[in-house]
Protein backbone atom coordinates (compact mmCIF):
# COMPACT_ATOMS: atom_id res chain seq x y z
CA MET A 1 119.02 240.02 67.74
CA SER A 2 119.48 236.82 69.68
CA LYS A 3 122.09 238.06 72.18
CA ILE A 4 123.91 241.12 73.36
CA SER A 5 127.51 241.04 72.26
CA GLU A 6 128.97 244.54 72.83
CA ALA A 7 129.98 246.15 76.10
CA LEU A 8 130.94 249.66 77.07
CA ILE A 9 133.14 249.71 80.17
CA LEU A 10 133.38 252.85 82.29
CA ALA A 11 137.06 252.81 83.29
CA GLY A 12 137.99 256.44 83.53
CA GLY A 13 137.64 257.06 87.28
CA LEU A 14 140.30 258.74 89.40
CA GLY A 15 140.22 256.16 92.15
CA THR A 16 140.72 258.84 94.82
CA ARG A 17 139.78 256.56 97.73
CA LEU A 18 142.25 253.89 96.57
CA ARG A 19 145.32 256.07 96.10
CA SER A 20 147.08 254.40 98.99
CA VAL A 21 147.00 251.09 97.18
CA SER A 22 146.64 251.91 93.49
CA GLU A 23 150.36 252.71 92.80
CA GLY A 24 149.31 255.52 90.52
CA ASN A 25 147.10 253.41 88.33
CA PRO A 26 143.42 254.03 87.43
CA LYS A 27 141.05 251.85 89.45
CA ALA A 28 140.48 249.44 86.59
CA LEU A 29 144.19 248.45 86.66
CA VAL A 30 144.53 248.06 90.43
CA GLY A 31 145.94 244.65 91.19
CA ILE A 32 143.63 242.08 92.81
CA ALA A 33 145.13 238.74 93.82
CA GLY A 34 147.88 239.07 91.25
CA LYS A 35 146.24 240.69 88.18
CA PRO A 36 144.39 243.85 87.22
CA PHE A 37 140.76 244.02 88.36
CA LEU A 38 139.55 244.78 84.80
CA GLU A 39 140.87 241.47 83.56
CA TYR A 40 138.49 239.58 85.84
CA LEU A 41 135.59 241.67 84.52
CA LEU A 42 136.59 241.06 80.91
CA ASP A 43 136.93 237.28 81.44
CA TYR A 44 133.44 237.20 82.92
CA LEU A 45 131.90 239.26 80.17
CA ILE A 46 133.50 237.12 77.48
CA HIS A 47 132.13 234.05 79.27
CA CYS A 48 128.70 235.70 79.02
CA GLY A 49 128.97 236.15 75.25
CA ILE A 50 130.46 239.59 74.80
CA GLU A 51 132.48 239.84 71.60
CA ARG A 52 133.54 243.49 71.41
CA PHE A 53 134.48 246.14 73.96
CA VAL A 54 134.59 249.92 74.13
CA PHE A 55 136.58 251.34 77.08
CA SER A 56 135.67 254.79 78.33
CA VAL A 57 138.93 256.05 79.72
CA GLY A 58 140.12 259.32 81.19
CA TYR A 59 142.49 259.35 84.14
CA LYS A 60 145.81 257.82 82.99
CA ALA A 61 144.11 256.51 79.84
CA ALA A 62 147.52 255.67 78.35
CA ASN A 63 148.09 253.11 81.10
CA VAL A 64 144.96 251.25 80.19
CA GLN A 65 145.70 251.48 76.45
CA ALA A 66 149.27 250.22 76.96
CA HIS A 67 148.15 247.32 79.07
CA PHE A 68 145.34 245.97 76.85
CA GLY A 69 146.23 247.23 73.40
CA LYS A 70 143.72 246.57 70.64
CA SER A 71 142.30 243.34 71.92
CA TYR A 72 141.90 241.01 74.90
CA SER A 73 141.57 237.22 74.49
CA GLY A 74 140.95 237.83 70.77
CA LYS A 75 138.13 240.29 71.39
CA PRO A 76 138.58 243.81 69.87
CA ILE A 77 138.82 246.87 72.06
CA GLU A 78 138.13 250.51 71.08
CA TYR A 79 138.93 253.43 73.34
CA ALA A 80 136.83 256.51 73.92
CA VAL A 81 139.11 258.98 75.67
CA GLU A 82 137.80 261.81 77.79
CA ALA A 83 139.76 265.02 77.43
CA LYS A 84 138.21 266.11 80.72
CA PRO A 85 136.00 264.34 83.29
CA LEU A 86 132.46 264.00 81.91
CA GLY A 87 130.73 262.08 84.70
CA THR A 88 129.25 258.64 84.20
CA GLY A 89 126.55 259.91 81.84
CA GLY A 90 128.82 262.08 79.77
CA ALA A 91 131.27 259.21 79.47
CA ILE A 92 128.56 256.99 78.01
CA VAL A 93 127.48 259.69 75.50
CA ASN A 94 131.12 260.20 74.51
CA SER A 95 131.60 256.49 73.99
CA LEU A 96 128.46 255.54 71.98
CA SER A 97 129.94 256.81 68.71
CA PHE A 98 132.47 253.90 69.07
CA THR A 99 129.71 251.31 69.48
CA THR A 100 128.06 249.46 66.57
CA SER A 101 125.04 247.76 68.13
CA ASP A 102 121.41 248.88 68.68
CA HIS A 103 121.63 247.76 72.31
CA VAL A 104 124.80 248.00 74.37
CA LEU A 105 125.75 246.58 77.77
CA VAL A 106 127.23 249.27 80.07
CA VAL A 107 129.20 248.24 83.16
CA ASN A 108 131.40 250.02 85.71
CA GLY A 109 135.07 249.15 85.49
CA ASP A 110 135.55 249.01 89.20
CA SER A 111 132.79 246.59 90.17
CA ILE A 112 131.69 243.10 89.17
CA PHE A 113 128.19 241.62 89.39
CA LEU A 114 127.82 238.00 88.31
CA THR A 115 124.44 238.19 86.58
CA ASP A 116 122.77 236.42 83.67
CA ILE A 117 123.38 239.18 81.11
CA GLN A 118 121.69 237.39 78.25
CA GLN A 119 118.54 236.86 80.37
CA GLN A 120 118.68 240.53 81.27
CA PHE A 121 118.84 241.31 77.56
CA ARG A 122 115.85 239.12 76.75
CA GLU A 123 113.85 240.93 79.39
CA HIS A 124 115.08 244.27 78.00
CA LEU A 125 113.82 243.43 74.49
CA ARG A 126 110.54 241.90 75.75
CA ARG A 127 109.66 245.05 77.69
CA LYS A 128 110.95 247.43 75.00
CA ALA A 129 112.85 249.26 77.71
CA ASP A 130 114.96 252.35 77.41
CA VAL A 131 117.34 250.86 79.97
CA THR A 132 117.26 247.61 81.92
CA LEU A 133 119.26 247.55 85.11
CA ALA A 134 120.58 244.50 87.05
CA LEU A 135 119.46 244.85 90.69
CA LYS A 136 120.90 243.25 93.79
CA LYS A 137 118.99 242.68 97.03
CA MET A 138 120.99 243.72 100.11
CA GLN A 139 120.40 243.89 103.81
CA SER A 140 121.42 246.59 106.32
CA PHE A 141 123.21 249.03 104.01
CA ASP A 142 123.78 252.73 103.81
CA ARG A 143 126.51 252.97 101.20
CA TYR A 144 124.08 252.65 98.26
CA GLY A 145 120.82 254.22 97.24
CA SER A 146 117.92 251.90 96.83
CA VAL A 147 115.68 251.14 93.82
CA VAL A 148 111.93 250.73 94.02
CA VAL A 149 110.17 248.55 91.39
CA ALA A 150 106.50 247.92 90.67
CA ASP A 151 104.94 244.45 90.28
CA ASP A 152 105.84 244.40 86.57
CA GLN A 153 109.50 245.20 87.48
CA ARG A 154 109.30 248.72 86.06
CA ILE A 155 111.47 250.99 88.19
CA VAL A 156 109.38 253.72 89.82
CA ALA A 157 111.89 255.41 92.11
CA PHE A 158 115.58 255.77 92.91
CA LYS A 159 116.06 256.67 96.59
CA GLU A 160 119.02 258.60 98.03
CA LYS A 161 121.57 256.88 100.23
CA GLU A 162 120.24 256.16 103.68
CA PHE A 163 120.29 253.26 106.11
CA THR A 164 118.01 250.56 104.70
CA GLU A 165 117.13 247.26 106.42
CA GLU A 166 116.48 245.50 103.13
CA GLY A 167 116.21 246.72 99.58
CA LEU A 168 117.42 246.54 96.00
CA ILE A 169 120.49 248.41 94.81
CA ASN A 170 121.59 249.37 91.33
CA GLY A 171 124.34 246.86 90.51
CA GLY A 172 125.96 248.97 87.80
CA VAL A 173 125.07 246.63 84.91
CA TYR A 174 122.87 248.36 82.32
CA ILE A 175 121.49 247.36 78.93
CA VAL A 176 120.85 250.52 76.97
CA ASP A 177 118.68 251.03 73.88
CA VAL A 178 121.13 253.29 72.02
CA ALA A 179 118.53 255.11 69.83
CA LYS A 180 116.29 255.88 72.80
CA PHE A 181 119.24 257.11 74.81
CA LYS A 182 120.51 259.41 72.09
CA VAL A 183 117.24 261.32 71.76
CA ASN A 184 117.82 262.88 75.20
CA ASP A 185 119.19 266.42 75.35
CA PHE A 186 122.02 265.79 77.80
CA PRO A 187 124.63 268.33 79.01
CA GLU A 188 128.29 267.62 78.24
CA LYS A 189 128.97 266.45 81.86
CA PHE A 190 126.33 264.61 83.88
CA SER A 191 125.73 261.62 86.15
CA ILE A 192 123.76 258.71 84.62
CA GLU A 193 122.55 257.84 88.12
CA ASN A 194 121.43 261.24 89.34
CA ASP A 195 120.69 263.21 86.21
CA TYR A 196 119.06 260.51 84.10
CA PHE A 197 117.85 257.56 86.12
CA GLN A 198 116.66 259.53 89.14
CA LYS A 199 115.25 262.53 87.26
CA LYS A 200 113.67 260.71 84.33
CA VAL A 201 112.34 257.64 86.16
CA LEU A 202 108.71 258.49 85.58
CA GLU A 203 109.21 259.60 81.98
CA ARG A 204 111.37 256.79 80.58
CA LYS A 205 110.91 253.04 80.58
CA PHE A 206 113.46 251.78 83.08
CA TYR A 207 113.15 248.13 84.17
CA GLY A 208 114.99 246.07 86.76
CA VAL A 209 116.04 242.42 86.67
CA GLU A 210 116.91 241.13 90.13
CA SER A 211 119.92 238.81 90.52
CA ASP A 212 121.41 237.10 93.54
CA GLY A 213 124.85 236.79 91.88
CA TYR A 214 128.13 237.70 93.57
CA PHE A 215 128.72 241.49 93.78
CA ILE A 216 131.69 243.56 94.81
CA ASP A 217 132.70 247.22 94.24
CA ILE A 218 136.46 247.80 94.81
CA GLY A 219 136.00 251.57 94.96
CA VAL A 220 136.57 251.73 98.69
CA PRO A 221 139.50 250.27 100.67
CA ASP A 222 137.39 247.81 102.70
CA ASP A 223 135.99 246.07 99.61
CA PHE A 224 139.37 246.31 97.90
CA ARG A 225 140.87 244.26 100.77
CA LYS A 226 137.90 241.90 100.70
CA ALA A 227 138.45 241.32 96.97
CA GLN A 228 142.15 240.47 97.50
CA HIS A 229 140.99 237.52 99.61
CA GLU A 230 137.90 236.46 97.70
CA PHE A 231 139.39 236.63 94.19
CA ARG A 232 142.03 234.07 95.02
CA ARG A 233 139.47 231.42 94.21
CA PHE A 234 139.48 232.61 90.58
CA THR A 235 143.31 232.60 90.31
CA ASN A 236 143.84 229.30 92.14
CA ARG A 237 141.59 227.18 89.96
């Protein structure tokens, strides 16, 4: 397999903290500088070589389906609909039956991290990892937990949120070995971050690939407003 070409996008969140600006839409459809946030993410992923998408949708799933239909820029879209909230991990499990590849890219539908996805995939294959995560170095933060890696880039710990002068954060861009993921005995509803990454870090082969690419998470109003300004450079080209 020369490149990764299939992406699962977690786009089922309620967007509770953005209700004042979301106009009743799920987070993925919230307008940023004139168009839905998810379109920026899809454009970037297509630029990186992604050919097929699976959307994990829940809250107002029909809005997402009506907006995108069966394809975007000629790339097919399948929908895995949650009948009830399943958490990030449960959403992935629920969606994998719609995927067709041995290795799948998983990204959050409310954040964007401009990484070299194909390089991340090459490292994933080379290390025969269960999951390979894109990591972002940040300074003076308390909004995110931090990730600790060994010299060989194997992840050895996921730390809880606390003020950190400098550290690596999970950028929400994962490459998953589907077969290795499916052997786990997961509950119906669970968090990929807390119930899999954090609890299984010493049992599974999780690796990190650090990137200094642009990162933003529109899940809180401050970054939503920041994105409105910064994304104009994409729309004004």
